[in-house]
Amino acid sequence: MSDLLLITSALEASTDVLPALGLLLHPVRVLPADASALVEAPPADVVLIDARRDLAQARSICRLLRTTGLDCPLLAVVTEGGLAAVNAEWGVDDVIVITAGPAEVEARVRLAVGRRAIAAAADVPDEIRSGELAIDEATYAARLRGRVLDLTFKEFELLKYLAQHPGRVFTRAQLLQEVWGYDYFGGTRTVDVHVRRLRAKLGPEHEALIGTVRNVGYRFVPVKAERSERPPAGERAQRGGPQHPGATAGPRSPTGYPAAAAR
């Protein structure tokens, strides 16, 4: 079930505005269509706007709700004739005609809630990953091989900022401005100190993730799969070494065959 909020200027029950609501199990709260009431509107999963009679007022309320940061689906309840007046400027997610049956109303509510949930999930940034390093902005955690690194706030911010721009070189002054902010009056030596601490916490195997560009600054070095054209050690031994322990390779002639033994 979804909590519905019906905004209407008519002194009527919700079933008078949209009869199908009386046949559904969703709890419905009715709120008058005035600014003072909208300020203290209770939370809801879906907001319904009564646009049966006063289309201009309904449009204004819809736009007002969107500008105030409404984060749930907004549906307009209209008559058959009012459909022609609804456009993108209203900012609604869908429209429901007052003659719609309970199955249609249920489907539109369910789809509106589902679309909003998918959109909200898509807005969540993914983890920044590079090899065995994972940086999660949502939890302010950096993990290396699954182990959470014990980073200070600025160390995390510095690592995250560099990882967001892999390969790009930043001067110390740029990092100081982007990570510490315009109101920080410390010297660029602060960047060097934090980089040194970060490398120590990354450990010898991963400290190279933060590369130094001499006389310029620092960059994040993304992990790339190592591709080696050299054959495995065992294969190299078979190719280049003798096949039997203790055997020695004799001299070869220019043709590649063993040279004849001197008589």
C-alpha atoms as a PDB file:
ATOM      1  CA  MET A   1       0.000   0.000   0.000  1.00  0.00           C
ATOM      2  CA  SER A   2       1.027   3.576  -0.650  1.00  0.00           C
ATOM      3  CA  ASP A   3       0.143   6.610   1.442  1.00  0.00           C
ATOM      4  CA  LEU A   4      -1.755   9.037  -0.788  1.00  0.00           C
ATOM      5  CA  LEU A   5      -2.153  12.767  -0.231  1.00  0.00           C
ATOM      6  CA  LEU A   6      -5.031  14.438  -2.082  1.00  0.00           C
ATOM      7  CA  ILE A   7      -4.852  18.208  -2.477  1.00  0.00           C
ATOM      8  CA  THR A   8      -8.199  19.765  -3.369  1.00  0.00           C
ATOM      9  CA  SER A   9     -10.027  23.061  -3.004  1.00  0.00           C
ATOM     10  CA  ALA A  10     -13.407  21.297  -2.896  1.00  0.00           C
ATOM     11  CA  LEU A  11     -14.983  20.411   0.439  1.00  0.00           C
ATOM     12  CA  GLU A  12     -15.486  16.823  -0.601  1.00  0.00           C
ATOM     13  CA  ALA A  13     -14.332  13.387   0.395  1.00  0.00           C
ATOM     14  CA  SER A  14     -11.585  11.722  -1.586  1.00  0.00           C
ATOM     15  CA  THR A  15     -14.096   9.307  -3.118  1.00  0.00           C
ATOM     16  CA  ASP A  16     -16.048  12.259  -4.522  1.00  0.00           C
ATOM     17  CA  VAL A  17     -12.923  13.533  -6.276  1.00  0.00           C
ATOM     18  CA  LEU A  18     -11.839  10.129  -7.555  1.00  0.00           C
ATOM     19  CA  PRO A  19     -14.474   7.425  -6.909  1.00  0.00           C
ATOM     20  CA  ALA A  20     -12.060   4.547  -7.559  1.00  0.00           C
ATOM     21  CA  LEU A  21     -10.171   5.418  -4.356  1.00  0.00           C
ATOM     22  CA  GLY A  22     -13.082   4.011  -2.363  1.00  0.00           C
ATOM     23  CA  LEU A  23     -12.372   0.560  -3.780  1.00  0.00           C
ATOM     24  CA  LEU A  24      -8.646   0.568  -3.069  1.00  0.00           C
ATOM     25  CA  LEU A  25      -6.788  -0.084   0.173  1.00  0.00           C
ATOM     26  CA  HIS A  26      -4.461   2.920   0.010  1.00  0.00           C
ATOM     27  CA  PRO A  27      -4.869   5.317   2.955  1.00  0.00           C
ATOM     28  CA  VAL A  28      -5.777   8.793   1.677  1.00  0.00           C
ATOM     29  CA  ARG A  29      -5.340  12.100   3.481  1.00  0.00           C
ATOM     30  CA  VAL A  30      -7.052  15.229   2.169  1.00  0.00           C
ATOM     31  CA  LEU A  31      -5.371  18.623   2.312  1.00  0.00           C
ATOM     32  CA  PRO A  32      -6.822  21.999   1.270  1.00  0.00           C
ATOM     33  CA  ALA A  33      -5.219  23.662  -1.726  1.00  0.00           C
ATOM     34  CA  ASP A  34      -3.691  26.707  -0.025  1.00  0.00           C
ATOM     35  CA  ALA A  35      -0.114  27.734   0.561  1.00  0.00           C
ATOM     36  CA  SER A  36      -0.214  27.571   4.364  1.00  0.00           C
ATOM     37  CA  ALA A  37      -1.451  23.984   4.306  1.00  0.00           C
ATOM     38  CA  LEU A  38       1.138  22.927   1.729  1.00  0.00           C
ATOM     39  CA  VAL A  39       3.970  24.141   3.926  1.00  0.00           C
ATOM     40  CA  GLU A  40       3.008  21.633   6.619  1.00  0.00           C
ATOM     41  CA  ALA A  41       1.987  18.838   4.256  1.00  0.00           C
ATOM     42  CA  PRO A  42       2.520  15.379   5.769  1.00  0.00           C
ATOM     43  CA  PRO A  43       4.849  12.914   4.028  1.00  0.00           C
ATOM     44  CA  ALA A  44       3.274  10.769   1.332  1.00  0.00           C
ATOM     45  CA  ASP A  45       4.210   8.191  -1.283  1.00  0.00           C
ATOM     46  CA  VAL A  46       2.046   9.839  -3.968  1.00  0.00           C
ATOM     47  CA  VAL A  47       0.436  13.277  -4.179  1.00  0.00           C
ATOM     48  CA  LEU A  48      -2.833  13.689  -6.099  1.00  0.00           C
ATOM     49  CA  ILE A  49      -3.887  17.141  -7.315  1.00  0.00           C
ATOM     50  CA  ASP A  50      -7.573  17.807  -7.901  1.00  0.00           C
ATOM     51  CA  ALA A  51      -7.622  19.446 -11.338  1.00  0.00           C
ATOM     52  CA  ARG A  52     -11.249  18.726 -12.217  1.00  0.00           C
ATOM     53  CA  ARG A  53     -12.490  22.310 -12.171  1.00  0.00           C
ATOM     54  CA  ASP A  54      -9.807  24.971 -11.722  1.00  0.00           C
ATOM     55  CA  LEU A  55      -7.047  23.951 -14.123  1.00  0.00           C
ATOM     56  CA  ALA A  56      -5.072  27.168 -13.634  1.00  0.00           C
ATOM     57  CA  GLN A  57      -4.963  26.762  -9.864  1.00  0.00           C
ATOM     58  CA  ALA A  58      -4.065  23.090 -10.144  1.00  0.00           C
ATOM     59  CA  ARG A  59      -1.230  23.922 -12.516  1.00  0.00           C
ATOM     60  CA  SER A  60       0.108  26.567 -10.118  1.00  0.00           C
ATOM     61  CA  ILE A  61       0.027  24.141  -7.197  1.00  0.00           C
ATOM     62  CA  CYS A  62       1.849  21.480  -9.200  1.00  0.00           C
ATOM     63  CA  ARG A  63       4.599  23.885 -10.155  1.00  0.00           C
ATOM     64  CA  LEU A  64       4.823  25.185  -6.591  1.00  0.00           C
ATOM     65  CA  LEU A  65       5.230  21.683  -5.222  1.00  0.00           C
ATOM     66  CA  ARG A  66       7.999  20.932  -7.692  1.00  0.00           C
ATOM     67  CA  THR A  67       9.907  24.082  -6.786  1.00  0.00           C
ATOM     68  CA  THR A  68       9.743  23.180  -3.092  1.00  0.00           C
ATOM     69  CA  GLY A  69      11.574  19.916  -3.714  1.00  0.00           C
ATOM     70  CA  LEU A  70       8.737  17.379  -3.736  1.00  0.00           C
ATOM     71  CA  ASP A  71      10.420  13.988  -3.927  1.00  0.00           C
ATOM     72  CA  CYS A  72       7.437  11.730  -4.604  1.00  0.00           C
ATOM     73  CA  PRO A  73       5.256  11.165  -7.701  1.00  0.00           C
ATOM     74  CA  LEU A  74       2.741  13.888  -8.510  1.00  0.00           C
ATOM     75  CA  LEU A  75      -0.480  12.881 -10.295  1.00  0.00           C
ATOM     76  CA  ALA A  76      -3.211  15.192 -11.591  1.00  0.00           C
ATOM     77  CA  VAL A  77      -6.858  14.117 -11.405  1.00  0.00           C
ATOM     78  CA  VAL A  78      -8.643  15.603 -14.428  1.00  0.00           C
ATOM     79  CA  THR A  79     -11.827  15.318 -16.433  1.00  0.00           C
ATOM     80  CA  GLU A  80     -11.868  14.006 -19.971  1.00  0.00           C
ATOM     81  CA  GLY A  81     -11.960  17.561 -21.278  1.00  0.00           C
ATOM     82  CA  GLY A  82      -9.145  18.691 -18.991  1.00  0.00           C
ATOM     83  CA  LEU A  83      -6.648  16.286 -20.550  1.00  0.00           C
ATOM     84  CA  ALA A  84      -5.965  18.764 -23.356  1.00  0.00           C
ATOM     85  CA  ALA A  85      -4.736  21.391 -20.873  1.00  0.00           C
ATOM     86  CA  VAL A  86      -2.088  19.256 -19.177  1.00  0.00           C
ATOM     87  CA  ASN A  87       1.438  19.580 -20.548  1.00  0.00           C
ATOM     88  CA  ALA A  88       5.046  19.242 -19.431  1.00  0.00           C
ATOM     89  CA  GLU A  89       4.969  22.621 -17.680  1.00  0.00           C
ATOM     90  CA  TRP A  90       2.715  21.156 -15.022  1.00  0.00           C
ATOM     91  CA  GLY A  91       5.545  18.972 -13.778  1.00  0.00           C
ATOM     92  CA  VAL A  92       3.276  15.995 -13.070  1.00  0.00           C
ATOM     93  CA  ASP A  93       4.336  12.380 -13.422  1.00  0.00           C
ATOM     94  CA  ASP A  94       0.983  11.183 -14.757  1.00  0.00           C
ATOM     95  CA  VAL A  95      -2.705  12.045 -15.082  1.00  0.00           C
ATOM     96  CA  ILE A  96      -5.771  10.127 -13.938  1.00  0.00           C
ATOM     97  CA  VAL A  97      -9.193  10.701 -15.464  1.00  0.00           C
ATOM     98  CA  ILE A  98     -11.960  10.830 -12.849  1.00  0.00           C
ATOM     99  CA  THR A  99     -13.815   7.985 -14.571  1.00  0.00           C
ATOM    100  CA  ALA A 100     -10.848   5.616 -14.273  1.00  0.00           C
ATOM    101  CA  GLY A 101     -11.607   2.314 -12.594  1.00  0.00           C
ATOM    102  CA  PRO A 102      -9.774   0.986  -9.529  1.00  0.00           C
ATOM    103  CA  ALA A 103      -7.528  -1.297 -11.590  1.00  0.00           C
ATOM    104  CA  GLU A 104      -6.301   1.618 -13.719  1.00  0.00           C
ATOM    105  CA  VAL A 105      -5.775   3.900 -10.729  1.00  0.00           C
ATOM    106  CA  GLU A 106      -3.887   1.148  -8.908  1.00  0.00           C
ATOM    107  CA  ALA A 107      -1.684   0.544 -11.946  1.00  0.00           C
ATOM    108  CA  ARG A 108      -0.869   4.241 -12.395  1.00  0.00           C
ATOM    109  CA  VAL A 109      -0.008   4.670  -8.724  1.00  0.00           C
ATOM    110  CA  ARG A 110       2.141   1.547  -8.713  1.00  0.00           C
ATOM    111  CA  LEU A 111       3.998   2.527 -11.884  1.00  0.00           C
ATOM    112  CA  ALA A 112       4.590   6.086 -10.670  1.00  0.00           C
ATOM    113  CA  VAL A 113       6.068   4.848  -7.390  1.00  0.00           C
ATOM    114  CA  GLY A 114       8.188   2.265  -9.215  1.00  0.00           C
ATOM    115  CA  ARG A 115       9.572   4.758 -11.726  1.00  0.00           C
ATOM    116  CA  ARG A 116      10.537   7.152  -8.963  1.00  0.00           C
ATOM    117  CA  ALA A 117      12.290   4.380  -7.040  1.00  0.00           C
ATOM    118  CA  ILE A 118      14.275   3.382 -10.137  1.00  0.00           C
ATOM    119  CA  ALA A 119      15.229   7.006 -10.815  1.00  0.00           C
ATOM    120  CA  ALA A 120      16.339   7.464  -7.211  1.00  0.00           C
ATOM    121  CA  ALA A 121      18.482   4.339  -7.390  1.00  0.00           C
ATOM    122  CA  ALA A 122      20.074   5.548 -10.633  1.00  0.00           C
ATOM    123  CA  ASP A 123      21.059   8.822  -8.958  1.00  0.00           C
ATOM    124  CA  VAL A 124      23.140   7.007  -6.381  1.00  0.00           C
ATOM    125  CA  PRO A 125      26.724   7.173  -7.521  1.00  0.00           C
ATOM    126  CA  ASP A 126      28.546   3.881  -8.004  1.00  0.00           C
ATOM    127  CA  GLU A 127      31.668   3.052  -6.116  1.00  0.00           C
ATOM    128  CA  ILE A 128      34.900   4.280  -7.593  1.00  0.00           C
ATOM    129  CA  ARG A 129      36.952   1.169  -8.252  1.00  0.00           C
ATOM    130  CA  SER A 130      40.511   0.637  -9.312  1.00  0.00           C
ATOM    131  CA  GLY A 131      41.817  -2.862  -8.969  1.00  0.00           C
ATOM    132  CA  GLU A 132      41.456  -3.886  -5.328  1.00  0.00           C
ATOM    133  CA  LEU A 133      40.615  -0.351  -4.191  1.00  0.00           C
ATOM    134  CA  ALA A 134      36.953   0.666  -3.757  1.00  0.00           C
ATOM    135  CA  ILE A 135      35.847   4.154  -2.691  1.00  0.00           C
ATOM    136  CA  ASP A 136      32.244   4.551  -1.506  1.00  0.00           C
ATOM    137  CA  GLU A 137      31.056   8.153  -1.302  1.00  0.00           C
ATOM    138  CA  ALA A 138      27.780   7.221   0.399  1.00  0.00           C
ATOM    139  CA  THR A 139      29.492   5.705   3.434  1.00  0.00           C
ATOM    140  CA  TYR A 140      32.726   7.706   3.263  1.00  0.00           C
ATOM    141  CA  ALA A 141      34.667   4.470   3.264  1.00  0.00           C
ATOM    142  CA  ALA A 142      37.625   3.313   1.213  1.00  0.00           C
ATOM    143  CA  ARG A 143      38.329  -0.408   1.052  1.00  0.00           C
ATOM    144  CA  LEU A 144      41.461  -2.170  -0.068  1.00  0.00           C
ATOM    145  CA  ARG A 145      41.079  -5.904  -0.641  1.00  0.00           C
ATOM    146  CA  GLY A 146      37.835  -5.648   1.315  1.00  0.00           C
ATOM    147  CA  ARG A 147      39.523  -4.060   4.329  1.00  0.00           C
ATOM    148  CA  VAL A 148      38.370  -0.591   5.366  1.00  0.00           C
ATOM    149  CA  LEU A 149      41.213   1.928   5.372  1.00  0.00           C
ATOM    150  CA  ASP A 150      41.507   4.112   8.463  1.00  0.00           C
ATOM    151  CA  LEU A 151      41.459   7.493   6.708  1.00  0.00           C
ATOM    152  CA  THR A 152      40.827  10.956   8.043  1.00  0.00           C
ATOM    153  CA  PHE A 153      38.192  13.085   6.336  1.00  0.00           C
ATOM    154  CA  LYS A 154      40.736  15.010   4.261  1.00  0.00           C
ATOM    155  CA  GLU A 155      42.675  11.877   3.371  1.00  0.00           C
ATOM    156  CA  PHE A 156      39.465  10.322   2.081  1.00  0.00           C
ATOM    157  CA  GLU A 157      38.536  13.475   0.150  1.00  0.00           C
ATOM    158  CA  LEU A 158      41.991  13.663  -1.413  1.00  0.00           C
ATOM    159  CA  LEU A 159      41.973  10.006  -2.433  1.00  0.00           C
ATOM    160  CA  LYS A 160      38.438  10.299  -3.804  1.00  0.00           C
ATOM    161  CA  TYR A 161      39.203  13.443  -5.803  1.00  0.00           C
ATOM    162  CA  LEU A 162      42.302  11.945  -7.393  1.00  0.00           C
ATOM    163  CA  ALA A 163      40.478   8.680  -8.168  1.00  0.00           C
ATOM    164  CA  GLN A 164      37.629  10.600  -9.810  1.00  0.00           C
ATOM    165  CA  HIS A 165      40.133  11.937 -12.349  1.00  0.00           C
ATOM    166  CA  PRO A 166      42.401   8.971 -13.126  1.00  0.00           C
ATOM    167  CA  GLY A 167      45.572   9.885 -14.975  1.00  0.00           C
ATOM    168  CA  ARG A 168      45.055  13.629 -14.684  1.00  0.00           C
ATOM    169  CA  VAL A 169      47.903  15.565 -13.093  1.00  0.00           C
ATOM    170  CA  PHE A 170      47.047  18.145 -10.432  1.00  0.00           C
ATOM    171  CA  THR A 171      49.384  20.714  -8.995  1.00  0.00           C
ATOM    172  CA  ARG A 172      49.580  21.039  -5.241  1.00  0.00           C
ATOM    173  CA  ALA A 173      47.816  24.385  -5.462  1.00  0.00           C
ATOM    174  CA  GLN A 174      44.942  22.830  -7.436  1.00  0.00           C
ATOM    175  CA  LEU A 175      44.517  20.039  -4.907  1.00  0.00           C
ATOM    176  CA  LEU A 176      44.651  22.523  -2.067  1.00  0.00           C
ATOM    177  CA  GLN A 177      41.878  24.527  -3.713  1.00  0.00           C
ATOM    178  CA  GLU A 178      39.654  21.583  -4.687  1.00  0.00           C
ATOM    179  CA  VAL A 179      40.003  19.455  -1.556  1.00  0.00           C
ATOM    180  CA  TRP A 180      40.675  21.976   1.193  1.00  0.00           C
ATOM    181  CA  GLY A 181      38.653  24.851  -0.263  1.00  0.00           C
ATOM    182  CA  TYR A 182      39.141  28.496  -1.026  1.00  0.00           C
ATOM    183  CA  ASP A 183      39.146  29.526   2.626  1.00  0.00           C
ATOM    184  CA  TYR A 184      42.149  27.400   3.556  1.00  0.00           C
ATOM    185  CA  PHE A 185      45.262  29.463   4.146  1.00  0.00           C
ATOM    186  CA  GLY A 186      47.768  26.679   4.742  1.00  0.00           C
ATOM    187  CA  GLY A 187      50.679  26.008   2.423  1.00  0.00           C
ATOM    188  CA  THR A 188      50.985  23.398  -0.290  1.00  0.00           C
ATOM    189  CA  ARG A 189      53.169  21.366   2.061  1.00  0.00           C
ATOM    190  CA  THR A 190      49.878  20.135   3.532  1.00  0.00           C
ATOM    191  CA  VAL A 191      49.206  18.225   0.311  1.00  0.00           C
ATOM    192  CA  ASP A 192      52.580  16.474   0.491  1.00  0.00           C
ATOM    193  CA  VAL A 193      51.943  15.432   4.087  1.00  0.00           C
ATOM    194  CA  HIS A 194      48.525  13.966   3.266  1.00  0.00           C
ATOM    195  CA  VAL A 195      49.860  12.156   0.203  1.00  0.00           C
ATOM    196  CA  ARG A 196      52.630  10.621   2.297  1.00  0.00           C
ATOM    197  CA  ARG A 197      50.106   9.444   4.887  1.00  0.00           C
ATOM    198  CA  LEU A 198      47.813   8.062   2.203  1.00  0.00           C
ATOM    199  CA  ARG A 199      50.620   6.077   0.629  1.00  0.00           C
ATOM    200  CA  ALA A 200      51.575   4.672   4.016  1.00  0.00           C
ATOM    201  CA  LYS A 201      48.005   3.499   4.597  1.00  0.00           C
ATOM    202  CA  LEU A 202      47.740   2.033   1.104  1.00  0.00           C
ATOM    203  CA  GLY A 203      50.856   0.008   1.808  1.00  0.00           C
ATOM    204  CA  PRO A 204      53.913  -0.855  -0.286  1.00  0.00           C
ATOM    205  CA  GLU A 205      51.926  -2.852  -2.838  1.00  0.00           C
ATOM    206  CA  HIS A 206      49.448  -0.063  -3.583  1.00  0.00           C
ATOM    207  CA  GLU A 207      51.218   3.195  -2.750  1.00  0.00           C
ATOM    208  CA  ALA A 208      51.951   3.620  -6.474  1.00  0.00           C
ATOM    209  CA  LEU A 209      48.235   4.376  -6.989  1.00  0.00           C
ATOM    210  CA  ILE A 210      49.193   7.959  -6.173  1.00  0.00           C
ATOM    211  CA  GLY A 211      51.895   8.923  -8.602  1.00  0.00           C
ATOM    212  CA  THR A 212      54.252  11.875  -8.362  1.00  0.00           C
ATOM    213  CA  VAL A 213      54.951  14.041 -11.389  1.00  0.00           C
ATOM    214  CA  ARG A 214      58.231  15.769 -10.665  1.00  0.00           C
ATOM    215  CA  ASN A 215      58.025  19.540 -10.344  1.00  0.00           C
ATOM    216  CA  VAL A 216      54.269  19.446 -11.038  1.00  0.00           C
ATOM    217  CA  GLY A 217      52.159  17.512  -8.538  1.00  0.00           C
ATOM    218  CA  TYR A 218      50.268  14.264  -8.193  1.00  0.00           C
ATOM    219  CA  ARG A 219      47.977  11.997 -10.162  1.00  0.00           C
ATOM    220  CA  PHE A 220      45.974   8.837  -9.617  1.00  0.00           C
ATOM    221  CA  VAL A 221      47.459   5.888 -11.467  1.00  0.00           C
ATOM    222  CA  PRO A 222      44.616   3.477 -12.319  1.00  0.00           C
ATOM    223  CA  VAL A 223      45.320  -0.202 -12.000  1.00  0.00           C
ATOM    224  CA  LYS A 224      45.600  -1.978 -15.323  1.00  0.00           C
ATOM    225  CA  ALA A 225      45.712  -5.676 -15.928  1.00  0.00           C
ATOM    226  CA  GLU A 226      49.301  -6.649 -16.463  1.00  0.00           C
ATOM    227  CA  ARG A 227      49.814  -8.144 -19.854  1.00  0.00           C
ATOM    228  CA  SER A 228      53.054  -9.985 -20.298  1.00  0.00           C
ATOM    229  CA  GLU A 229      54.111 -11.599 -23.515  1.00  0.00           C
ATOM    230  CA  ARG A 230      56.775 -13.572 -21.718  1.00  0.00           C
ATOM    231  CA  PRO A 231      55.931 -17.269 -21.421  1.00  0.00           C
ATOM    232  CA  PRO A 232      55.589 -18.853 -17.992  1.00  0.00           C
ATOM    233  CA  ALA A 233      58.794 -19.782 -16.215  1.00  0.00           C
ATOM    234  CA  GLY A 234      58.272 -23.484 -16.804  1.00  0.00           C
ATOM    235  CA  GLU A 235      57.719 -22.922 -20.499  1.00  0.00           C
ATOM    236  CA  ARG A 236      60.805 -20.704 -20.731  1.00  0.00           C
ATOM    237  CA  ALA A 237      62.851 -23.434 -19.112  1.00  0.00           C
ATOM    238  CA  GLN A 238      61.606 -25.952 -21.636  1.00  0.00           C
ATOM    239  CA  ARG A 239      62.295 -23.622 -24.545  1.00  0.00           C
ATOM    240  CA  GLY A 240      65.697 -22.328 -23.563  1.00  0.00           C
ATOM    241  CA  GLY A 241      67.138 -24.919 -21.217  1.00  0.00           C
ATOM    242  CA  PRO A 242      68.135 -28.561 -21.594  1.00  0.00           C
ATOM    243  CA  GLN A 243      65.461 -31.187 -21.367  1.00  0.00           C
ATOM    244  CA  HIS A 244      67.402 -33.448 -19.010  1.00  0.00           C
ATOM    245  CA  PRO A 245      69.077 -32.418 -15.777  1.00  0.00           C
ATOM    246  CA  GLY A 246      72.817 -32.097 -16.106  1.00  0.00           C
ATOM    247  CA  ALA A 247      72.726 -32.102 -19.918  1.00  0.00           C
ATOM    248  CA  THR A 248      74.595 -29.400 -21.755  1.00  0.00           C
ATOM    249  CA  ALA A 249      73.732 -27.964 -25.102  1.00  0.00           C
ATOM    250  CA  GLY A 250      76.395 -28.555 -27.723  1.00  0.00           C
ATOM    251  CA  PRO A 251      77.491 -26.039 -30.326  1.00  0.00           C
ATOM    252  CA  ARG A 252      75.234 -25.522 -33.295  1.00  0.00           C
ATOM    253  CA  SER A 253      76.025 -24.898 -36.915  1.00  0.00           C
ATOM    254  CA  PRO A 254      74.579 -21.919 -38.821  1.00  0.00           C
ATOM    255  CA  THR A 255      71.810 -24.231 -40.057  1.00  0.00           C
ATOM    256  CA  GLY A 256      70.621 -24.805 -36.534  1.00  0.00           C
ATOM    257  CA  TYR A 257      71.646 -28.465 -36.372  1.00  0.00           C
ATOM    258  CA  PRO A 258      74.293 -29.634 -33.893  1.00  0.00           C
ATOM    259  CA  ALA A 259      77.763 -29.157 -35.235  1.00  0.00           C
ATOM    260  CA  ALA A 260      79.683 -32.291 -36.055  1.00  0.00           C
ATOM    261  CA  ALA A 261      82.196 -33.284 -33.443  1.00  0.00           C
ATOM    262  CA  ALA A 262      85.785 -32.584 -34.358  1.00  0.00           C
ATOM    263  CA  ARG A 263      87.776 -35.690 -35.246  1.00  0.00           C
END
